[in-house]
Amino acid sequence: MSGKVPLSKRAQKTHAENLYREFSGHEPDEVEYVQKPEIPDVLTVIGELEAVIYSTVRDGENERYIHKFKPSSRAMLCVTPNGDQLVLIGGKYLFTDRGIVDKWA
């Protein structure tokens, strides 16, 4: 056992709000709850995730970001058996105030 105690939902929410604030440059407008899908025990591995493209508002401006992962940082792109949910497994990256950042191997 690792001995780590899981964070409470309140602590997780605080961390999430801080990460949003640091990345976006503004306060969260409201808390939006999304239903977390249940990940099945069986997934189909499609391949390595080479890049992510996403749009967001940062410092009051609409921005579009493209992150190309280093080969050593790529996650596996998987799909649920019924094909309705993509899942990223593994990878060596973090999401920070700068967006997606590859970890150094």
Protein backbone atom coordinates (compact mmCIF):
# COMPACT_ATOMS: atom_id res chain seq x y z
CA MET A 1 0.00 0.00 0.00
CA SER A 2 1.21 3.48 -0.83
CA GLY A 3 -0.13 5.04 2.35
CA LYS A 4 -1.64 7.97 0.43
CA VAL A 5 -5.02 9.16 1.62
CA PRO A 6 -7.35 10.15 -1.23
CA LEU A 7 -8.32 13.81 -1.36
CA SER A 8 -11.84 14.67 -0.25
CA LYS A 9 -14.26 15.88 -2.91
CA ARG A 10 -13.99 19.38 -1.44
CA ALA A 11 -10.16 19.30 -1.73
CA GLN A 12 -10.43 17.95 -5.29
CA LYS A 13 -12.82 20.80 -6.17
CA THR A 14 -10.39 23.34 -4.68
CA HIS A 15 -7.49 21.88 -6.69
CA ALA A 16 -9.61 21.88 -9.86
CA GLU A 17 -10.66 25.50 -9.35
CA ASN A 18 -7.05 26.57 -8.73
CA LEU A 19 -5.84 24.77 -11.85
CA TYR A 20 -8.60 26.44 -13.91
CA ARG A 21 -7.77 29.86 -12.45
CA GLU A 22 -4.02 29.46 -13.07
CA PHE A 23 -4.52 28.27 -16.65
CA SER A 24 -7.33 30.54 -17.77
CA GLY A 25 -6.34 33.75 -15.99
CA HIS A 26 -9.82 34.29 -14.59
CA GLU A 27 -12.16 33.05 -11.90
CA PRO A 28 -14.50 30.17 -12.64
CA ASP A 29 -17.88 31.69 -13.55
CA GLU A 30 -19.86 28.85 -12.09
CA VAL A 31 -19.41 25.27 -11.11
CA GLU A 32 -20.51 22.97 -13.87
CA TYR A 33 -21.10 19.38 -12.96
CA VAL A 34 -20.65 16.79 -15.64
CA GLN A 35 -21.50 13.15 -15.29
CA LYS A 36 -18.33 11.11 -15.16
CA PRO A 37 -18.72 8.10 -17.42
CA GLU A 38 -18.07 4.68 -15.98
CA ILE A 39 -15.04 3.21 -17.66
CA PRO A 40 -15.57 -0.45 -18.52
CA ASP A 41 -13.01 -3.10 -17.59
CA VAL A 42 -12.36 -3.81 -21.29
CA LEU A 43 -11.09 -1.16 -23.73
CA THR A 44 -9.84 -1.36 -27.29
CA VAL A 45 -6.43 0.24 -27.78
CA ILE A 46 -6.55 2.29 -31.00
CA GLY A 47 -2.99 3.61 -30.89
CA GLU A 48 -0.79 6.31 -29.42
CA LEU A 49 -2.17 9.81 -28.98
CA GLU A 50 0.21 12.03 -30.95
CA ALA A 51 -1.51 15.40 -30.44
CA VAL A 52 -4.45 17.22 -28.90
CA ILE A 53 -6.18 20.30 -30.32
CA TYR A 54 -8.49 22.27 -28.04
CA SER A 55 -10.19 25.67 -27.82
CA THR A 56 -10.74 27.67 -24.65
CA VAL A 57 -10.96 31.18 -23.26
CA ARG A 58 -7.69 32.33 -21.70
CA ASP A 59 -7.08 35.81 -20.30
CA GLY A 60 -10.37 36.88 -21.87
CA GLU A 61 -9.41 35.77 -25.38
CA ASN A 62 -10.65 32.79 -27.38
CA GLU A 63 -7.58 30.62 -27.95
CA ARG A 64 -6.84 27.44 -29.90
CA TYR A 65 -4.05 25.18 -28.72
CA ILE A 66 -2.27 22.28 -30.39
CA HIS A 67 -0.10 20.07 -28.23
CA LYS A 68 2.11 17.55 -30.01
CA PHE A 69 3.30 14.93 -27.53
CA LYS A 70 6.90 13.75 -27.49
CA PRO A 71 7.01 10.04 -28.36
CA SER A 72 7.99 9.20 -24.77
CA SER A 73 5.00 11.17 -23.39
CA ARG A 74 2.17 9.74 -25.47
CA ALA A 75 -0.87 8.12 -23.88
CA MET A 76 -2.73 5.20 -25.39
CA LEU A 77 -5.92 6.23 -27.18
CA CYS A 78 -8.57 3.68 -26.30
CA VAL A 79 -12.28 3.30 -26.96
CA THR A 80 -15.04 1.56 -25.00
CA PRO A 81 -16.41 -1.68 -26.48
CA ASN A 82 -19.57 0.03 -27.74
CA GLY A 83 -17.52 2.81 -29.37
CA ASP A 84 -19.17 5.75 -27.60
CA GLN A 85 -16.36 6.95 -25.32
CA LEU A 86 -12.69 7.72 -25.92
CA VAL A 87 -10.32 7.10 -23.01
CA LEU A 88 -6.69 8.13 -22.54
CA ILE A 89 -4.57 5.63 -20.61
CA GLY A 90 -1.10 6.38 -19.33
CA GLY A 91 1.21 8.94 -20.83
CA LYS A 92 3.79 11.20 -19.23
CA TYR A 93 2.30 14.67 -19.19
CA LEU A 94 0.74 17.21 -16.84
CA PHE A 95 -1.88 19.88 -17.28
CA THR A 96 -0.50 23.10 -15.77
CA ASP A 97 -0.97 26.85 -15.96
CA ARG A 98 0.76 26.58 -19.37
CA GLY A 99 -1.64 23.89 -20.63
CA ILE A 100 -0.46 20.38 -21.50
CA VAL A 101 3.22 19.88 -20.72
CA ASP A 102 5.22 16.73 -21.48
CA LYS A 103 7.14 15.30 -18.53
CA TRP A 104 10.84 14.76 -19.09
CA ALA A 105 11.76 11.09 -19.12
